[in-house]
Amino acid sequence: MIDIIYEDNHLLVVEKPANLLVQKDNTNDIDLLTVLKQDLKKRYQKPGNVHLGLLHRLDRPVGGIMVFAKTSKAASRLSNQIKNHQMQKKYYAIVEGTFQKKKGTMIDYLKKDEKKNQVFIREDGKESILNYQIIKEHEEYSLVDIDLKTGRSHQIRVQFSSRNHPLYGDQKYNKHSKPKEQIALYAYELSFYHPITKELLTFRKKPKQIYPWTLFF
């Protein structure tokens, strides 16, 4: 069962579980969008197809807060907020190593190799920006608070890995990760303006209390 954080006639805010696809792909594995549509259809006894707009994504292994649009008007207005950087997304990550500089900004140009499903830093890539702040350190790990300014594919994972601070459990960009380790990246806060009332909405949630999150929470 998906945890519904907030719902009205225009929006659906949920917690995406780790390791669940956001949208159907060629694996034909179950995906969040389909699950939510089926749930809305059942709960409201809707005939035919249910409209639910996908506005942003989280990588399959990553959990956290997502918003979906229940109407085309809401989808259009929220998409404009994303385009204009009015939607704020914050993440917790547990990374290897400790930092001399406890807060700062990372700017890189990232390009995705679709065949490999991997992202690289390239001069001809898209500008990718995030702000980070170290919250706590525990032996060889650091808990980082990340304010994502541009939502590029695999952005957080690549930017930290390229600076020798790969994310714990990242099977793609951390060569120290062991098989079946879960990536320590979680979308803990989402802020945006309600597409109809224009009220600023902020939603927060902590990651599940499993290792390695238990080192810090």
C-alpha atoms as a PDB file:
ATOM      1  CA  MET A   1       0.000   0.000   0.000  1.00  0.00           C
ATOM      2  CA  ILE A   2       1.311   3.445  -0.955  1.00  0.00           C
ATOM      3  CA  ASP A   3       1.418   6.044   1.826  1.00  0.00           C
ATOM      4  CA  ILE A   4      -0.766   9.015   0.785  1.00  0.00           C
ATOM      5  CA  ILE A   5       0.543  12.182   2.457  1.00  0.00           C
ATOM      6  CA  TYR A   6      -1.977  14.674   1.028  1.00  0.00           C
ATOM      7  CA  GLU A   7      -4.876  14.592  -1.408  1.00  0.00           C
ATOM      8  CA  ASP A   8      -7.495  16.998  -2.728  1.00  0.00           C
ATOM      9  CA  ASN A   9      -9.381  17.397  -6.011  1.00  0.00           C
ATOM     10  CA  HIS A  10      -6.258  18.646  -7.796  1.00  0.00           C
ATOM     11  CA  LEU A  11      -3.242  16.942  -6.187  1.00  0.00           C
ATOM     12  CA  LEU A  12      -1.977  13.654  -4.875  1.00  0.00           C
ATOM     13  CA  VAL A  13       1.175  13.699  -2.717  1.00  0.00           C
ATOM     14  CA  VAL A  14       2.623  10.287  -1.850  1.00  0.00           C
ATOM     15  CA  GLU A  15       5.709   8.576  -0.509  1.00  0.00           C
ATOM     16  CA  LYS A  16       7.335   6.528  -3.255  1.00  0.00           C
ATOM     17  CA  PRO A  17       8.772   3.307  -1.834  1.00  0.00           C
ATOM     18  CA  ALA A  18      12.402   2.508  -2.684  1.00  0.00           C
ATOM     19  CA  ASN A  19      12.910   0.076  -5.600  1.00  0.00           C
ATOM     20  CA  LEU A  20       9.549   0.807  -7.205  1.00  0.00           C
ATOM     21  CA  LEU A  21       9.503   2.192 -10.746  1.00  0.00           C
ATOM     22  CA  VAL A  22       7.782   5.561 -11.124  1.00  0.00           C
ATOM     23  CA  GLN A  23       6.518   4.772 -14.631  1.00  0.00           C
ATOM     24  CA  LYS A  24       6.242   1.581 -16.662  1.00  0.00           C
ATOM     25  CA  ASP A  25       9.327   0.584 -18.645  1.00  0.00           C
ATOM     26  CA  ASN A  26      10.410  -2.400 -20.745  1.00  0.00           C
ATOM     27  CA  THR A  27      10.846  -4.599 -17.643  1.00  0.00           C
ATOM     28  CA  ASN A  28       7.044  -4.649 -17.236  1.00  0.00           C
ATOM     29  CA  ASP A  29       7.587  -4.490 -13.465  1.00  0.00           C
ATOM     30  CA  ILE A  30       4.851  -2.903 -11.365  1.00  0.00           C
ATOM     31  CA  ASP A  31       5.089   0.920 -11.276  1.00  0.00           C
ATOM     32  CA  LEU A  32       3.883   3.697  -8.974  1.00  0.00           C
ATOM     33  CA  LEU A  33       1.792   5.559 -11.565  1.00  0.00           C
ATOM     34  CA  THR A  34      -0.238   2.453 -12.434  1.00  0.00           C
ATOM     35  CA  VAL A  35      -0.723   1.539  -8.748  1.00  0.00           C
ATOM     36  CA  LEU A  36      -1.990   5.054  -7.936  1.00  0.00           C
ATOM     37  CA  LYS A  37      -4.375   5.110 -10.918  1.00  0.00           C
ATOM     38  CA  GLN A  38      -5.815   1.744  -9.912  1.00  0.00           C
ATOM     39  CA  ASP A  39      -6.245   2.962  -6.330  1.00  0.00           C
ATOM     40  CA  LEU A  40      -8.059   6.157  -7.437  1.00  0.00           C
ATOM     41  CA  LYS A  41     -10.311   4.154  -9.767  1.00  0.00           C
ATOM     42  CA  LYS A  42     -11.237   1.774  -6.956  1.00  0.00           C
ATOM     43  CA  ARG A  43     -11.667   4.370  -4.178  1.00  0.00           C
ATOM     44  CA  TYR A  44     -13.801   6.742  -6.274  1.00  0.00           C
ATOM     45  CA  GLN A  45     -15.445   4.012  -8.399  1.00  0.00           C
ATOM     46  CA  LYS A  46     -14.456   5.841 -11.562  1.00  0.00           C
ATOM     47  CA  PRO A  47     -15.405   4.372 -14.934  1.00  0.00           C
ATOM     48  CA  GLY A  48     -12.806   4.338 -17.729  1.00  0.00           C
ATOM     49  CA  ASN A  49      -9.267   5.634 -17.461  1.00  0.00           C
ATOM     50  CA  VAL A  50      -8.161   7.774 -14.503  1.00  0.00           C
ATOM     51  CA  HIS A  51      -6.211  10.959 -15.260  1.00  0.00           C
ATOM     52  CA  LEU A  52      -3.047  11.331 -13.178  1.00  0.00           C
ATOM     53  CA  GLY A  53      -0.244  13.585 -14.401  1.00  0.00           C
ATOM     54  CA  LEU A  54       3.370  12.550 -13.797  1.00  0.00           C
ATOM     55  CA  LEU A  55       5.335  15.761 -13.111  1.00  0.00           C
ATOM     56  CA  HIS A  56       8.758  14.642 -11.891  1.00  0.00           C
ATOM     57  CA  ARG A  57      10.634  11.415 -11.235  1.00  0.00           C
ATOM     58  CA  LEU A  58      12.761   9.608  -8.690  1.00  0.00           C
ATOM     59  CA  ASP A  59      15.258   6.942  -9.701  1.00  0.00           C
ATOM     60  CA  ARG A  60      13.941   3.423  -9.149  1.00  0.00           C
ATOM     61  CA  PRO A  61      16.084   2.654  -6.042  1.00  0.00           C
ATOM     62  CA  VAL A  62      15.283   6.036  -4.424  1.00  0.00           C
ATOM     63  CA  GLY A  63      12.347   6.602  -2.055  1.00  0.00           C
ATOM     64  CA  GLY A  64      10.638   9.804  -0.978  1.00  0.00           C
ATOM     65  CA  ILE A  65       7.948  12.405  -1.567  1.00  0.00           C
ATOM     66  CA  MET A  66       6.349  12.917  -4.991  1.00  0.00           C
ATOM     67  CA  VAL A  67       3.395  14.984  -6.220  1.00  0.00           C
ATOM     68  CA  PHE A  68       1.005  13.975  -9.020  1.00  0.00           C
ATOM     69  CA  ALA A  69      -1.646  16.112 -10.722  1.00  0.00           C
ATOM     70  CA  LYS A  70      -5.266  14.927 -10.775  1.00  0.00           C
ATOM     71  CA  THR A  71      -6.350  17.453 -13.437  1.00  0.00           C
ATOM     72  CA  SER A  72      -4.772  18.774 -16.631  1.00  0.00           C
ATOM     73  CA  LYS A  73      -4.951  22.359 -15.274  1.00  0.00           C
ATOM     74  CA  ALA A  74      -3.027  21.345 -12.146  1.00  0.00           C
ATOM     75  CA  ALA A  75      -0.498  19.443 -14.269  1.00  0.00           C
ATOM     76  CA  SER A  76       0.120  22.461 -16.488  1.00  0.00           C
ATOM     77  CA  ARG A  77       0.576  24.896 -13.591  1.00  0.00           C
ATOM     78  CA  LEU A  78       2.819  22.575 -11.574  1.00  0.00           C
ATOM     79  CA  SER A  79       4.930  21.816 -14.662  1.00  0.00           C
ATOM     80  CA  ASN A  80       5.452  25.578 -15.064  1.00  0.00           C
ATOM     81  CA  GLN A  81       6.637  25.778 -11.442  1.00  0.00           C
ATOM     82  CA  ILE A  82       9.188  23.037 -12.124  1.00  0.00           C
ATOM     83  CA  LYS A  83      10.328  24.817 -15.290  1.00  0.00           C
ATOM     84  CA  ASN A  84      10.703  28.109 -13.377  1.00  0.00           C
ATOM     85  CA  HIS A  85      12.491  26.437 -10.424  1.00  0.00           C
ATOM     86  CA  GLN A  86       9.632  27.283  -8.035  1.00  0.00           C
ATOM     87  CA  MET A  87       9.233  23.704  -6.857  1.00  0.00           C
ATOM     88  CA  GLN A  88      11.807  22.973  -4.170  1.00  0.00           C
ATOM     89  CA  LYS A  89      13.114  19.441  -3.654  1.00  0.00           C
ATOM     90  CA  LYS A  90      15.305  18.448  -0.734  1.00  0.00           C
ATOM     91  CA  TYR A  91      17.058  15.159  -0.168  1.00  0.00           C
ATOM     92  CA  TYR A  92      18.987  13.334   2.509  1.00  0.00           C
ATOM     93  CA  ALA A  93      21.948  11.270   1.358  1.00  0.00           C
ATOM     94  CA  ILE A  94      24.528   9.221   3.217  1.00  0.00           C
ATOM     95  CA  VAL A  95      27.853   9.442   1.423  1.00  0.00           C
ATOM     96  CA  GLU A  96      31.311   8.000   1.929  1.00  0.00           C
ATOM     97  CA  GLY A  97      33.965  10.118   3.599  1.00  0.00           C
ATOM     98  CA  THR A  98      33.956  13.428   5.463  1.00  0.00           C
ATOM     99  CA  PHE A  99      34.091  16.969   4.083  1.00  0.00           C
ATOM    100  CA  GLN A 100      36.462  19.833   4.816  1.00  0.00           C
ATOM    101  CA  LYS A 101      33.899  22.261   3.395  1.00  0.00           C
ATOM    102  CA  LYS A 102      30.690  21.604   5.346  1.00  0.00           C
ATOM    103  CA  LYS A 103      28.408  23.471   2.942  1.00  0.00           C
ATOM    104  CA  GLY A 104      28.664  24.541  -0.658  1.00  0.00           C
ATOM    105  CA  THR A 105      27.360  24.371  -4.220  1.00  0.00           C
ATOM    106  CA  MET A 106      28.141  21.764  -6.868  1.00  0.00           C
ATOM    107  CA  ILE A 107      27.901  22.759 -10.532  1.00  0.00           C
ATOM    108  CA  ASP A 108      28.586  20.264 -13.328  1.00  0.00           C
ATOM    109  CA  TYR A 109      27.482  19.549 -16.890  1.00  0.00           C
ATOM    110  CA  LEU A 110      25.866  16.132 -17.092  1.00  0.00           C
ATOM    111  CA  LYS A 111      25.042  13.981 -20.099  1.00  0.00           C
ATOM    112  CA  LYS A 112      23.156  10.681 -20.080  1.00  0.00           C
ATOM    113  CA  ASP A 113      24.214   7.660 -22.121  1.00  0.00           C
ATOM    114  CA  GLU A 114      20.783   6.143 -22.793  1.00  0.00           C
ATOM    115  CA  LYS A 115      22.202   2.775 -23.909  1.00  0.00           C
ATOM    116  CA  LYS A 116      24.161   2.322 -20.680  1.00  0.00           C
ATOM    117  CA  ASN A 117      21.546   4.157 -18.547  1.00  0.00           C
ATOM    118  CA  GLN A 118      24.467   6.007 -17.011  1.00  0.00           C
ATOM    119  CA  VAL A 119      25.286   9.699 -16.591  1.00  0.00           C
ATOM    120  CA  PHE A 120      28.691  11.310 -17.163  1.00  0.00           C
ATOM    121  CA  ILE A 121      30.210  14.757 -16.637  1.00  0.00           C
ATOM    122  CA  ARG A 122      30.733  16.236 -20.110  1.00  0.00           C
ATOM    123  CA  GLU A 123      31.337  19.706 -21.514  1.00  0.00           C
ATOM    124  CA  ASP A 124      28.340  19.302 -23.829  1.00  0.00           C
ATOM    125  CA  GLY A 125      26.044  18.194 -20.971  1.00  0.00           C
ATOM    126  CA  LYS A 126      23.235  20.073 -19.243  1.00  0.00           C
ATOM    127  CA  GLU A 127      24.064  22.438 -16.380  1.00  0.00           C
ATOM    128  CA  SER A 128      23.348  20.679 -13.082  1.00  0.00           C
ATOM    129  CA  ILE A 129      23.304  22.544  -9.754  1.00  0.00           C
ATOM    130  CA  LEU A 130      22.769  21.531  -6.152  1.00  0.00           C
ATOM    131  CA  ASN A 131      23.485  23.058  -2.743  1.00  0.00           C
ATOM    132  CA  TYR A 132      24.634  20.784   0.052  1.00  0.00           C
ATOM    133  CA  GLN A 133      25.159  20.989   3.810  1.00  0.00           C
ATOM    134  CA  ILE A 134      26.729  18.360   6.050  1.00  0.00           C
ATOM    135  CA  ILE A 135      24.415  17.623   8.977  1.00  0.00           C
ATOM    136  CA  LYS A 136      26.361  14.917  10.838  1.00  0.00           C
ATOM    137  CA  GLU A 137      29.369  12.659  10.452  1.00  0.00           C
ATOM    138  CA  HIS A 138      29.683   9.085  11.708  1.00  0.00           C
ATOM    139  CA  GLU A 139      33.088   7.415  11.292  1.00  0.00           C
ATOM    140  CA  GLU A 140      33.559   7.067   7.507  1.00  0.00           C
ATOM    141  CA  TYR A 141      30.086   8.379   6.506  1.00  0.00           C
ATOM    142  CA  SER A 142      28.451  11.815   6.244  1.00  0.00           C
ATOM    143  CA  LEU A 143      24.758  12.701   6.302  1.00  0.00           C
ATOM    144  CA  VAL A 144      24.137  15.398   3.696  1.00  0.00           C
ATOM    145  CA  ASP A 145      21.150  17.724   3.268  1.00  0.00           C
ATOM    146  CA  ILE A 146      20.763  18.487  -0.453  1.00  0.00           C
ATOM    147  CA  ASP A 147      18.757  21.308  -2.025  1.00  0.00           C
ATOM    148  CA  LEU A 148      18.386  20.238  -5.643  1.00  0.00           C
ATOM    149  CA  LYS A 149      18.244  23.156  -8.058  1.00  0.00           C
ATOM    150  CA  THR A 150      18.119  21.183 -11.332  1.00  0.00           C
ATOM    151  CA  GLY A 151      16.524  17.755 -11.481  1.00  0.00           C
ATOM    152  CA  ARG A 152      18.806  15.910 -13.893  1.00  0.00           C
ATOM    153  CA  SER A 153      18.813  12.142 -14.169  1.00  0.00           C
ATOM    154  CA  HIS A 154      21.110  10.565 -11.522  1.00  0.00           C
ATOM    155  CA  GLN A 155      22.339  14.089 -10.704  1.00  0.00           C
ATOM    156  CA  ILE A 156      22.999  13.749  -6.960  1.00  0.00           C
ATOM    157  CA  ARG A 157      24.582  10.330  -7.389  1.00  0.00           C
ATOM    158  CA  VAL A 158      26.980  11.461 -10.123  1.00  0.00           C
ATOM    159  CA  GLN A 159      27.964  14.800  -8.596  1.00  0.00           C
ATOM    160  CA  PHE A 160      28.936  13.287  -5.238  1.00  0.00           C
ATOM    161  CA  SER A 161      30.585  10.227  -6.788  1.00  0.00           C
ATOM    162  CA  SER A 162      32.724  12.447  -9.053  1.00  0.00           C
ATOM    163  CA  ARG A 163      34.094  14.149  -5.917  1.00  0.00           C
ATOM    164  CA  ASN A 164      35.015  10.811  -4.272  1.00  0.00           C
ATOM    165  CA  HIS A 165      31.957  10.873  -2.003  1.00  0.00           C
ATOM    166  CA  PRO A 166      29.757   8.171  -3.582  1.00  0.00           C
ATOM    167  CA  LEU A 167      26.406   7.407  -1.969  1.00  0.00           C
ATOM    168  CA  TYR A 168      26.139   4.426   0.334  1.00  0.00           C
ATOM    169  CA  GLY A 169      24.633   1.460  -1.523  1.00  0.00           C
ATOM    170  CA  ASP A 170      24.706   3.086  -4.982  1.00  0.00           C
ATOM    171  CA  GLN A 171      25.084   0.050  -7.246  1.00  0.00           C
ATOM    172  CA  LYS A 172      25.787   2.175 -10.315  1.00  0.00           C
ATOM    173  CA  TYR A 173      28.236   4.842  -9.151  1.00  0.00           C
ATOM    174  CA  ASN A 174      29.839   3.401  -5.996  1.00  0.00           C
ATOM    175  CA  LYS A 175      32.401   0.660  -6.625  1.00  0.00           C
ATOM    176  CA  HIS A 176      32.449  -0.170  -2.888  1.00  0.00           C
ATOM    177  CA  SER A 177      28.749  -1.062  -2.802  1.00  0.00           C
ATOM    178  CA  LYS A 178      27.889  -4.654  -2.014  1.00  0.00           C
ATOM    179  CA  PRO A 179      25.147  -6.504  -3.920  1.00  0.00           C
ATOM    180  CA  LYS A 180      21.644  -5.852  -2.563  1.00  0.00           C
ATOM    181  CA  GLU A 181      22.740  -2.848  -0.474  1.00  0.00           C
ATOM    182  CA  GLN A 182      20.035  -0.175  -0.603  1.00  0.00           C
ATOM    183  CA  ILE A 183      21.027   3.287  -1.825  1.00  0.00           C
ATOM    184  CA  ALA A 184      20.911   5.902   0.961  1.00  0.00           C
ATOM    185  CA  LEU A 185      19.112   8.686  -0.906  1.00  0.00           C
ATOM    186  CA  TYR A 186      15.689   9.950   0.138  1.00  0.00           C
ATOM    187  CA  ALA A 187      13.508  12.847  -1.070  1.00  0.00           C
ATOM    188  CA  TYR A 188      12.461  14.147   2.345  1.00  0.00           C
ATOM    189  CA  GLU A 189      10.911  17.548   1.490  1.00  0.00           C
ATOM    190  CA  LEU A 190       8.836  18.941  -1.353  1.00  0.00           C
ATOM    191  CA  SER A 191       7.555  22.540  -1.555  1.00  0.00           C
ATOM    192  CA  PHE A 192       5.382  24.136  -4.235  1.00  0.00           C
ATOM    193  CA  TYR A 193       2.433  26.495  -4.681  1.00  0.00           C
ATOM    194  CA  HIS A 194      -1.001  24.927  -4.886  1.00  0.00           C
ATOM    195  CA  PRO A 195      -2.023  25.189  -8.561  1.00  0.00           C
ATOM    196  CA  ILE A 196      -5.471  26.578  -7.704  1.00  0.00           C
ATOM    197  CA  THR A 197      -5.314  28.312  -4.293  1.00  0.00           C
ATOM    198  CA  LYS A 198      -1.675  29.517  -4.784  1.00  0.00           C
ATOM    199  CA  GLU A 199      -0.968  28.562  -1.151  1.00  0.00           C
ATOM    200  CA  LEU A 200       2.612  27.465  -0.446  1.00  0.00           C
ATOM    201  CA  LEU A 201       2.572  23.773   0.500  1.00  0.00           C
ATOM    202  CA  THR A 202       5.494  22.006   2.158  1.00  0.00           C
ATOM    203  CA  PHE A 203       5.606  18.283   2.864  1.00  0.00           C
ATOM    204  CA  ARG A 204       8.287  16.490   4.886  1.00  0.00           C
ATOM    205  CA  LYS A 205       8.962  12.882   5.791  1.00  0.00           C
ATOM    206  CA  LYS A 206      11.886  11.000   7.348  1.00  0.00           C
ATOM    207  CA  PRO A 207      13.436   7.917   5.763  1.00  0.00           C
ATOM    208  CA  LYS A 208      12.510   4.493   7.138  1.00  0.00           C
ATOM    209  CA  GLN A 209      14.453   3.463  10.232  1.00  0.00           C
ATOM    210  CA  ILE A 210      16.731   0.919   8.623  1.00  0.00           C
ATOM    211  CA  TYR A 211      20.517   0.807   8.260  1.00  0.00           C
ATOM    212  CA  PRO A 212      22.364   3.060   7.393  1.00  0.00           C
ATOM    213  CA  TRP A 213      19.748   5.745   8.248  1.00  0.00           C
ATOM    214  CA  THR A 214      19.796   4.508  11.859  1.00  0.00           C
ATOM    215  CA  LEU A 215      23.365   5.813  12.149  1.00  0.00           C
ATOM    216  CA  PHE A 216      21.996   9.362  11.999  1.00  0.00           C
ATOM    217  CA  PHE A 217      18.271   9.381  12.869  1.00  0.00           C
END
